Amino acid sequence: MVSALNGFGLAIGSMDIIGAVFFELMIICMLCRRRRASKKLQPTNVTTLFGKGVGPRMLWTYLILLNVWILASTLLVIGILWHKPQLLLFWLTWCLGGLLFDVVFMLWWFWEMISGDTIDALTNILISMLTMAIEFGFIYVVYNIYLNLSKSPDGKESYDPLLRFAYFLF
């Protein structure tokens, strides 16, 4: 039987996987469109971002990152189902890395706001803050699942160096 907290963790992991697969399919469609356009001798920058052409390297980098995201979410789901808390640490570190990227982007957008493009920068900052709030909530839930799975059945905490490292992080 799965507790409500573990069920919520499973929902987080499965929705992460579904979302990442959806984005992968979109990027694969963009790459296919680019290939068809290059065969017809049209300009190769079919995909645009802010009016600029997006190169295939950027799309392949996104695909690699999405595959790592799927791997991290799969480890999260497997760790919950098999009661292996060590597998949840990869997802937690992945999300902490994502939070660091969000902080870097927010600083970049603050600089953009100071330099003059206020409306776009404020929109990006608000979206990033919403993303960070949701991510903090997910990290809190998964960290509590990790703590619950790390306890032995008799209520005592087992000696686990990864758990001690997690206590150090949080």
N, C-alpha and C. Protein backbone atom coordinates (compact mmCIF):
# COMPACT_ATOMS: atom_id res chain seq x y z
N MET A 1 0.84 -1.17 0.00
CA MET A 1 0.00 0.00 0.00
C MET A 1 0.89 1.25 0.00
N VAL A 2 0.47 2.27 -0.70
CA VAL A 2 1.24 3.48 -0.87
C VAL A 2 0.59 4.59 -0.05
N SER A 3 1.41 5.31 0.73
CA SER A 3 0.87 6.43 1.50
C SER A 3 0.53 7.59 0.57
N ALA A 4 -0.19 8.56 1.10
CA ALA A 4 -0.59 9.71 0.28
C ALA A 4 0.64 10.51 -0.15
N LEU A 5 1.61 10.63 0.74
CA LEU A 5 2.82 11.37 0.41
C LEU A 5 3.58 10.67 -0.71
N ASN A 6 3.70 9.35 -0.61
CA ASN A 6 4.37 8.60 -1.68
C ASN A 6 3.59 8.67 -2.98
N GLY A 7 2.26 8.65 -2.88
CA GLY A 7 1.43 8.78 -4.07
C GLY A 7 1.62 10.12 -4.75
N PHE A 8 1.76 11.17 -3.95
CA PHE A 8 2.02 12.49 -4.52
C PHE A 8 3.39 12.52 -5.19
N GLY A 9 4.37 11.87 -4.58
CA GLY A 9 5.69 11.77 -5.20
C GLY A 9 5.65 11.01 -6.51
N LEU A 10 4.85 9.93 -6.55
CA LEU A 10 4.69 9.19 -7.80
C LEU A 10 4.02 10.06 -8.87
N ALA A 11 3.05 10.87 -8.45
CA ALA A 11 2.39 11.77 -9.41
C ALA A 11 3.38 12.81 -9.94
N ILE A 12 4.22 13.34 -9.06
CA ILE A 12 5.23 14.31 -9.49
C ILE A 12 6.16 13.67 -10.52
N GLY A 13 6.64 12.47 -10.22
CA GLY A 13 7.56 11.79 -11.13
C GLY A 13 6.92 11.46 -12.47
N SER A 14 5.70 10.94 -12.43
CA SER A 14 5.06 10.56 -13.70
C SER A 14 4.70 11.79 -14.53
N MET A 15 4.27 12.88 -13.91
CA MET A 15 3.97 14.09 -14.67
C MET A 15 5.25 14.72 -15.24
N ASP A 16 6.36 14.61 -14.50
CA ASP A 16 7.64 15.07 -15.05
C ASP A 16 8.00 14.28 -16.30
N ILE A 17 7.80 12.97 -16.25
CA ILE A 17 8.13 12.12 -17.40
C ILE A 17 7.24 12.47 -18.58
N ILE A 18 5.95 12.61 -18.35
CA ILE A 18 5.02 12.94 -19.44
C ILE A 18 5.34 14.30 -20.05
N GLY A 19 5.64 15.29 -19.19
CA GLY A 19 5.98 16.61 -19.70
C GLY A 19 7.26 16.61 -20.50
N ALA A 20 8.27 15.89 -20.02
CA ALA A 20 9.54 15.83 -20.74
C ALA A 20 9.39 15.12 -22.08
N VAL A 21 8.61 14.05 -22.12
CA VAL A 21 8.38 13.35 -23.39
C VAL A 21 7.65 14.26 -24.37
N PHE A 22 6.68 15.03 -23.87
CA PHE A 22 5.96 15.97 -24.73
C PHE A 22 6.92 17.00 -25.33
N PHE A 23 7.80 17.58 -24.51
CA PHE A 23 8.77 18.55 -25.03
C PHE A 23 9.76 17.89 -25.98
N GLU A 24 10.15 16.65 -25.71
CA GLU A 24 11.03 15.95 -26.64
C GLU A 24 10.37 15.77 -27.99
N LEU A 25 9.10 15.41 -27.99
CA LEU A 25 8.40 15.25 -29.27
C LEU A 25 8.32 16.57 -30.03
N MET A 26 8.12 17.67 -29.30
CA MET A 26 8.09 18.97 -29.97
C MET A 26 9.45 19.29 -30.60
N ILE A 27 10.53 19.02 -29.88
CA ILE A 27 11.86 19.32 -30.41
C ILE A 27 12.18 18.41 -31.58
N ILE A 28 11.77 17.14 -31.51
CA ILE A 28 12.00 16.23 -32.63
C ILE A 28 11.23 16.71 -33.86
N CYS A 29 10.01 17.20 -33.67
CA CYS A 29 9.25 17.76 -34.80
C CYS A 29 9.96 18.97 -35.39
N MET A 30 10.55 19.82 -34.53
CA MET A 30 11.29 20.98 -35.03
C MET A 30 12.51 20.54 -35.84
N LEU A 31 13.21 19.52 -35.36
CA LEU A 31 14.38 19.03 -36.09
C LEU A 31 13.96 18.41 -37.43
N CYS A 32 12.84 17.69 -37.45
CA CYS A 32 12.35 17.12 -38.71
C CYS A 32 11.94 18.21 -39.68
N ARG A 33 11.30 19.26 -39.16
CA ARG A 33 10.91 20.38 -40.00
C ARG A 33 12.14 21.07 -40.59
N ARG A 34 13.17 21.17 -39.78
CA ARG A 34 14.41 21.79 -40.24
C ARG A 34 15.03 20.94 -41.35
N ARG A 35 14.99 19.62 -41.18
CA ARG A 35 15.58 18.72 -42.19
C ARG A 35 14.81 18.82 -43.51
N ARG A 36 13.46 18.84 -43.42
CA ARG A 36 12.66 18.96 -44.63
C ARG A 36 12.91 20.29 -45.33
N ALA A 37 13.08 21.36 -44.54
CA ALA A 37 13.33 22.68 -45.13
C ALA A 37 14.69 22.73 -45.80
N SER A 38 15.67 22.05 -45.22
CA SER A 38 17.00 22.07 -45.84
C SER A 38 17.03 21.24 -47.11
N LYS A 39 16.18 20.21 -47.20
CA LYS A 39 16.12 19.42 -48.44
C LYS A 39 15.49 20.22 -49.57
N LYS A 40 14.59 21.16 -49.20
CA LYS A 40 13.95 21.99 -50.22
C LYS A 40 14.77 23.24 -50.53
N LEU A 41 15.98 23.31 -49.98
CA LEU A 41 16.91 24.41 -50.18
C LEU A 41 16.35 25.74 -49.68
N GLN A 42 15.57 25.68 -48.64
CA GLN A 42 15.11 26.89 -47.97
C GLN A 42 16.11 27.22 -46.88
N PRO A 43 15.98 28.40 -46.27
CA PRO A 43 16.87 28.72 -45.16
C PRO A 43 16.73 27.68 -44.04
N THR A 44 17.84 27.37 -43.39
CA THR A 44 17.82 26.30 -42.39
C THR A 44 17.29 26.74 -41.05
N ASN A 45 17.13 28.04 -40.81
CA ASN A 45 16.62 28.51 -39.53
C ASN A 45 15.10 28.55 -39.54
N VAL A 46 14.49 27.38 -39.57
CA VAL A 46 13.04 27.29 -39.55
C VAL A 46 12.51 27.64 -38.16
N THR A 47 13.21 27.20 -37.15
CA THR A 47 12.80 27.42 -35.78
C THR A 47 13.39 28.73 -35.29
N THR A 48 12.56 29.59 -34.72
CA THR A 48 13.06 30.87 -34.23
C THR A 48 12.76 31.02 -32.75
N LEU A 49 13.62 31.77 -32.08
CA LEU A 49 13.45 32.10 -30.68
C LEU A 49 13.76 33.58 -30.55
N PHE A 50 12.77 34.38 -30.19
CA PHE A 50 12.91 35.84 -30.09
C PHE A 50 13.37 36.43 -31.41
N GLY A 51 12.88 35.88 -32.52
CA GLY A 51 13.21 36.41 -33.83
C GLY A 51 14.55 35.96 -34.37
N LYS A 52 15.29 35.17 -33.62
CA LYS A 52 16.59 34.68 -34.07
C LYS A 52 16.50 33.19 -34.34
N GLY A 53 17.27 32.74 -35.32
CA GLY A 53 17.27 31.33 -35.64
C GLY A 53 17.91 30.50 -34.52
N VAL A 54 17.31 29.35 -34.27
CA VAL A 54 17.84 28.44 -33.25
C VAL A 54 18.62 27.35 -33.97
N GLY A 55 19.86 27.18 -33.59
CA GLY A 55 20.71 26.18 -34.22
C GLY A 55 20.38 24.77 -33.75
N PRO A 56 20.78 23.79 -34.55
CA PRO A 56 20.50 22.40 -34.16
C PRO A 56 21.25 21.98 -32.90
N ARG A 57 22.39 22.60 -32.61
CA ARG A 57 23.10 22.25 -31.38
C ARG A 57 22.27 22.55 -30.14
N MET A 58 21.59 23.68 -30.17
CA MET A 58 20.76 24.05 -29.03
C MET A 58 19.62 23.05 -28.85
N LEU A 59 19.02 22.63 -29.95
CA LEU A 59 17.92 21.66 -29.86
C LEU A 59 18.42 20.31 -29.37
N TRP A 60 19.59 19.87 -29.84
CA TRP A 60 20.14 18.60 -29.37
C TRP A 60 20.53 18.69 -27.90
N THR A 61 21.00 19.86 -27.46
CA THR A 61 21.31 20.04 -26.03
C THR A 61 20.05 19.93 -25.20
N TYR A 62 18.96 20.54 -25.67
CA TYR A 62 17.68 20.40 -24.97
C TYR A 62 17.25 18.94 -24.90
N LEU A 63 17.43 18.22 -25.99
CA LEU A 63 17.06 16.79 -25.98
C LEU A 63 17.86 16.01 -24.94
N ILE A 64 19.15 16.29 -24.85
CA ILE A 64 19.98 15.59 -23.86
C ILE A 64 19.52 15.93 -22.45
N LEU A 65 19.26 17.21 -22.19
CA LEU A 65 18.78 17.61 -20.86
C LEU A 65 17.43 16.99 -20.53
N LEU A 66 16.56 16.90 -21.51
CA LEU A 66 15.25 16.27 -21.28
C LEU A 66 15.41 14.78 -20.99
N ASN A 67 16.36 14.12 -21.65
CA ASN A 67 16.59 12.71 -21.35
C ASN A 67 17.12 12.52 -19.94
N VAL A 68 17.99 13.42 -19.47
CA VAL A 68 18.45 13.34 -18.09
C VAL A 68 17.29 13.59 -17.13
N TRP A 69 16.40 14.50 -17.50
CA TRP A 69 15.21 14.78 -16.68
C TRP A 69 14.33 13.53 -16.59
N ILE A 70 14.15 12.85 -17.70
CA ILE A 70 13.36 11.61 -17.69
C ILE A 70 14.04 10.55 -16.83
N LEU A 71 15.36 10.44 -16.94
CA LEU A 71 16.10 9.49 -16.11
C LEU A 71 15.93 9.82 -14.63
N ALA A 72 16.06 11.09 -14.26
CA ALA A 72 15.92 11.49 -12.86
C ALA A 72 14.51 11.19 -12.35
N SER A 73 13.51 11.47 -13.14
CA SER A 73 12.12 11.21 -12.72
C SER A 73 11.83 9.72 -12.65
N THR A 74 12.42 8.95 -13.56
CA THR A 74 12.25 7.49 -13.50
C THR A 74 12.90 6.93 -12.24
N LEU A 75 14.09 7.45 -11.88
CA LEU A 75 14.72 7.01 -10.64
C LEU A 75 13.88 7.40 -9.42
N LEU A 76 13.21 8.55 -9.50
CA LEU A 76 12.32 8.97 -8.41
C LEU A 76 11.17 7.97 -8.26
N VAL A 77 10.53 7.63 -9.35
CA VAL A 77 9.40 6.69 -9.29
C VAL A 77 9.86 5.32 -8.83
N ILE A 78 10.97 4.83 -9.36
CA ILE A 78 11.48 3.52 -8.96
C ILE A 78 11.89 3.53 -7.49
N GLY A 79 12.52 4.61 -7.04
CA GLY A 79 12.93 4.71 -5.65
C GLY A 79 11.75 4.67 -4.70
N ILE A 80 10.64 5.29 -5.08
CA ILE A 80 9.44 5.26 -4.23
C ILE A 80 8.82 3.87 -4.25
N LEU A 81 8.69 3.30 -5.44
CA LEU A 81 8.03 1.99 -5.54
C LEU A 81 8.84 0.87 -4.89
N TRP A 82 10.15 0.91 -5.01
CA TRP A 82 11.00 -0.15 -4.46
C TRP A 82 11.51 0.17 -3.06
N HIS A 83 11.09 1.31 -2.51
CA HIS A 83 11.53 1.75 -1.18
C HIS A 83 13.05 1.86 -1.11
N LYS A 84 13.64 2.47 -2.12
CA LYS A 84 15.08 2.72 -2.17
C LYS A 84 15.30 4.23 -2.13
N PRO A 85 15.51 4.80 -0.93
CA PRO A 85 15.63 6.26 -0.84
C PRO A 85 16.87 6.82 -1.54
N GLN A 86 17.89 5.99 -1.76
CA GLN A 86 19.09 6.48 -2.41
C GLN A 86 18.80 6.95 -3.84
N LEU A 87 17.82 6.34 -4.48
CA LEU A 87 17.49 6.72 -5.85
C LEU A 87 16.84 8.10 -5.92
N LEU A 88 16.26 8.55 -4.82
CA LEU A 88 15.62 9.86 -4.80
C LEU A 88 16.63 11.00 -4.75
N LEU A 89 17.86 10.69 -4.31
CA LEU A 89 18.87 11.74 -4.21
C LEU A 89 19.24 12.32 -5.57
N PHE A 90 19.23 11.48 -6.62
CA PHE A 90 19.55 12.00 -7.95
C PHE A 90 18.52 13.02 -8.39
N TRP A 91 17.25 12.76 -8.13
CA TRP A 91 16.19 13.71 -8.48
C TRP A 91 16.34 14.99 -7.67
N LEU A 92 16.65 14.86 -6.38
CA LEU A 92 16.81 16.04 -5.53
C LEU A 92 17.98 16.91 -6.00
N THR A 93 19.09 16.30 -6.35
CA THR A 93 20.22 17.10 -6.83
C THR A 93 19.92 17.72 -8.19
N TRP A 94 19.17 17.02 -9.03
CA TRP A 94 18.77 17.55 -10.33
C TRP A 94 17.90 18.80 -10.13
N CYS A 95 16.97 18.74 -9.19
CA CYS A 95 16.10 19.89 -8.94
C CYS A 95 16.86 21.04 -8.30
N LEU A 96 17.81 20.74 -7.43
CA LEU A 96 18.62 21.81 -6.86
C LEU A 96 19.45 22.50 -7.94
N GLY A 97 19.94 21.72 -8.90
CA GLY A 97 20.63 22.32 -10.05
C GLY A 97 19.70 23.21 -10.86
N GLY A 98 18.46 22.77 -11.02
CA GLY A 98 17.47 23.60 -11.71
C GLY A 98 17.19 24.89 -10.97
N LEU A 99 17.16 24.83 -9.63
CA LEU A 99 16.97 26.05 -8.86
C LEU A 99 18.15 27.01 -9.04
N LEU A 100 19.34 26.46 -9.12
CA LEU A 100 20.50 27.32 -9.36
C LEU A 100 20.41 28.01 -10.72
N PHE A 101 19.95 27.28 -11.75
CA PHE A 101 19.74 27.90 -13.06
C PHE A 101 18.68 28.98 -12.97
N ASP A 102 17.61 28.75 -12.23
CA ASP A 102 16.58 29.77 -12.07
C ASP A 102 17.13 31.03 -11.42
N VAL A 103 17.98 30.86 -10.42
CA VAL A 103 18.58 32.03 -9.76
C VAL A 103 19.47 32.79 -10.74
N VAL A 104 20.26 32.08 -11.53
CA VAL A 104 21.11 32.74 -12.52
C VAL A 104 20.27 33.49 -13.54
N PHE A 105 19.19 32.86 -14.01
CA PHE A 105 18.33 33.53 -14.98
C PHE A 105 17.65 34.76 -14.37
N MET A 106 17.24 34.66 -13.10
CA MET A 106 16.61 35.81 -12.46
C MET A 106 17.60 36.98 -12.34
N LEU A 107 18.85 36.68 -12.00
CA LEU A 107 19.86 37.74 -11.95
C LEU A 107 20.07 38.36 -13.33
N TRP A 108 20.07 37.50 -14.35
CA TRP A 108 20.22 37.99 -15.72
C TRP A 108 19.04 38.90 -16.08
N TRP A 109 17.83 38.49 -15.71
CA TRP A 109 16.65 39.31 -16.03
C TRP A 109 16.59 40.59 -15.20
N PHE A 110 17.12 40.56 -13.97
CA PHE A 110 17.23 41.81 -13.22
C PHE A 110 18.16 42.77 -13.94
N TRP A 111 19.27 42.25 -14.46
CA TRP A 111 20.18 43.08 -15.22
C TRP A 111 19.50 43.61 -16.48
N GLU A 112 18.72 42.78 -17.14
CA GLU A 112 17.98 43.19 -18.33
C GLU A 112 16.96 44.25 -17.97
N MET A 113 16.33 44.13 -16.81
CA MET A 113 15.35 45.11 -16.37
C MET A 113 16.02 46.46 -16.11
N ILE A 114 17.20 46.41 -15.49
CA ILE A 114 17.93 47.65 -15.22
C ILE A 114 18.38 48.31 -16.52
N SER A 115 18.74 47.49 -17.50
CA SER A 115 19.25 48.05 -18.75
C SER A 115 18.14 48.56 -19.68
N GLY A 116 16.87 48.31 -19.35
CA GLY A 116 15.84 48.97 -20.13
C GLY A 116 14.66 48.15 -20.58
N ASP A 117 14.76 46.86 -20.73
CA ASP A 117 13.65 46.04 -21.23
C ASP A 117 12.80 45.56 -20.05
N THR A 118 12.03 46.47 -19.46
CA THR A 118 11.39 46.23 -18.17
C THR A 118 10.24 45.23 -18.26
N ILE A 119 9.35 45.37 -19.23
CA ILE A 119 8.15 44.53 -19.28
C ILE A 119 8.52 43.07 -19.50
N ASP A 120 9.38 42.80 -20.48
CA ASP A 120 9.80 41.41 -20.72
C ASP A 120 10.53 40.84 -19.52
N ALA A 121 11.40 41.65 -18.91
CA ALA A 121 12.17 41.17 -17.76
C ALA A 121 11.25 40.86 -16.58
N LEU A 122 10.30 41.74 -16.30
CA LEU A 122 9.38 41.48 -15.18
C LEU A 122 8.53 40.24 -15.43
N THR A 123 8.10 40.05 -16.67
CA THR A 123 7.33 38.84 -17.00
C THR A 123 8.17 37.60 -16.76
N ASN A 124 9.41 37.61 -17.23
CA ASN A 124 10.28 36.46 -17.03
C ASN A 124 10.58 36.22 -15.55
N ILE A 125 10.78 37.29 -14.79
CA ILE A 125 11.06 37.16 -13.35
C ILE A 125 9.86 36.54 -12.64
N LEU A 126 8.65 37.00 -12.95
CA LEU A 126 7.46 36.44 -12.31
C LEU A 126 7.26 34.96 -12.66
N ILE A 127 7.48 34.61 -13.92
CA ILE A 127 7.37 33.20 -14.32
C ILE A 127 8.42 32.36 -13.62
N SER A 128 9.63 32.89 -13.52
CA SER A 128 10.70 32.15 -12.85
C SER A 128 10.42 32.00 -11.36
N MET A 129 9.86 33.03 -10.73
CA MET A 129 9.52 32.92 -9.31
C MET A 129 8.42 31.89 -9.08
N LEU A 130 7.44 31.84 -9.97
CA LEU A 130 6.39 30.82 -9.87
C LEU A 130 6.98 29.43 -10.03
N THR A 131 7.86 29.28 -11.01
CA THR A 131 8.52 27.99 -11.22
C THR A 131 9.33 27.58 -9.99
N MET A 132 10.04 28.52 -9.41
CA MET A 132 10.85 28.22 -8.23
C MET A 132 9.98 27.83 -7.04
N ALA A 133 8.83 28.50 -6.87
CA ALA A 133 7.94 28.16 -5.76
C ALA A 133 7.40 26.74 -5.91
N ILE A 134 7.01 26.38 -7.11
CA ILE A 134 6.52 25.02 -7.36
C ILE A 134 7.64 24.02 -7.14
N GLU A 135 8.83 24.35 -7.62
CA GLU A 135 9.97 23.44 -7.48
C GLU A 135 10.36 23.26 -6.00
N PHE A 136 10.31 24.35 -5.22
CA PHE A 136 10.57 24.23 -3.79
C PHE A 136 9.56 23.29 -3.13
N GLY A 137 8.29 23.41 -3.52
CA GLY A 137 7.27 22.51 -2.97
C GLY A 137 7.54 21.06 -3.32
N PHE A 138 7.90 20.80 -4.56
CA PHE A 138 8.19 19.43 -4.98
C PHE A 138 9.42 18.89 -4.25
N ILE A 139 10.44 19.73 -4.10
CA ILE A 139 11.64 19.29 -3.38
C ILE A 139 11.28 18.96 -1.93
N TYR A 140 10.45 19.77 -1.32
CA TYR A 140 10.03 19.52 0.07
C TYR A 140 9.30 18.18 0.18
N VAL A 141 8.39 17.91 -0.75
CA VAL A 141 7.63 16.65 -0.72
C VAL A 141 8.57 15.47 -0.92
N VAL A 142 9.44 15.53 -1.92
CA VAL A 142 10.32 14.41 -2.21
C VAL A 142 11.34 14.23 -1.08
N TYR A 143 11.79 15.32 -0.48
CA TYR A 143 12.72 15.19 0.64
C TYR A 143 12.04 14.50 1.82
N ASN A 144 10.78 14.82 2.09
CA ASN A 144 10.05 14.14 3.17
C ASN A 144 9.83 12.66 2.84
N ILE A 145 9.58 12.35 1.58
CA ILE A 145 9.48 10.94 1.18
C ILE A 145 10.81 10.25 1.42
N TYR A 146 11.90 10.94 1.07
CA TYR A 146 13.24 10.38 1.28
C TYR A 146 13.47 10.09 2.76
N LEU A 147 13.09 11.03 3.63
CA LEU A 147 13.27 10.81 5.06
C LEU A 147 12.41 9.65 5.57
N ASN A 148 11.17 9.56 5.09
CA ASN A 148 10.29 8.47 5.51
C ASN A 148 10.81 7.12 5.05
N LEU A 149 11.33 7.05 3.82
CA LEU A 149 11.84 5.79 3.31
C LEU A 149 13.16 5.40 3.96
N SER A 150 13.89 6.40 4.47
CA SER A 150 15.19 6.13 5.08
C SER A 150 15.07 5.55 6.48
N LYS A 151 13.92 5.70 7.11
CA LYS A 151 13.75 5.16 8.46
C LYS A 151 13.53 3.66 8.38
N SER A 152 14.08 2.95 9.34
CA SER A 152 13.89 1.51 9.38
C SER A 152 12.49 1.21 9.89
N PRO A 153 11.99 -0.01 9.69
CA PRO A 153 10.61 -0.33 10.10
C PRO A 153 10.35 -0.18 11.60
N ASP A 154 11.36 -0.29 12.44
CA ASP A 154 11.12 -0.18 13.87
C ASP A 154 11.13 1.27 14.36
N GLY A 155 11.25 2.24 13.45
CA GLY A 155 11.18 3.64 13.82
C GLY A 155 12.53 4.30 14.05
N LYS A 156 13.58 3.51 14.17
CA LYS A 156 14.91 4.08 14.34
C LYS A 156 15.49 4.36 12.97
N GLU A 157 16.29 5.40 12.94
CA GLU A 157 16.93 5.72 11.67
C GLU A 157 18.17 4.87 11.50
N SER A 158 18.29 4.29 10.33
CA SER A 158 19.46 3.47 10.05
C SER A 158 20.63 4.37 9.67
N TYR A 159 21.83 3.86 9.90
CA TYR A 159 23.02 4.63 9.52
C TYR A 159 23.18 4.56 8.01
N ASP A 160 23.08 5.70 7.39
CA ASP A 160 23.20 5.78 5.94
C ASP A 160 24.02 7.03 5.62
N PRO A 161 25.18 6.88 5.01
CA PRO A 161 26.00 8.07 4.72
C PRO A 161 25.30 9.03 3.77
N LEU A 162 24.47 8.51 2.85
CA LEU A 162 23.74 9.40 1.95
C LEU A 162 22.71 10.22 2.72
N LEU A 163 22.10 9.59 3.74
CA LEU A 163 21.14 10.32 4.56
C LEU A 163 21.84 11.41 5.34
N ARG A 164 23.02 11.11 5.87
CA ARG A 164 23.77 12.13 6.59
C ARG A 164 24.15 13.28 5.67
N PHE A 165 24.48 12.97 4.43
CA PHE A 165 24.79 14.01 3.45
C PHE A 165 23.55 14.86 3.16
N ALA A 166 22.39 14.19 3.07
CA ALA A 166 21.15 14.93 2.83
C ALA A 166 20.83 15.85 4.00
N TYR A 167 21.06 15.39 5.24
CA TYR A 167 20.87 16.25 6.40
C TYR A 167 21.81 17.46 6.32
N PHE A 168 23.02 17.25 5.82
CA PHE A 168 23.96 18.33 5.67
C PHE A 168 23.45 19.35 4.64
N LEU A 169 22.88 18.85 3.52
CA LEU A 169 22.38 19.75 2.48
C LEU A 169 21.17 20.55 2.95
N PHE A 170 20.25 19.89 3.65
CA PHE A 170 19.00 20.55 4.00
C PHE A 170 19.05 20.97 5.45
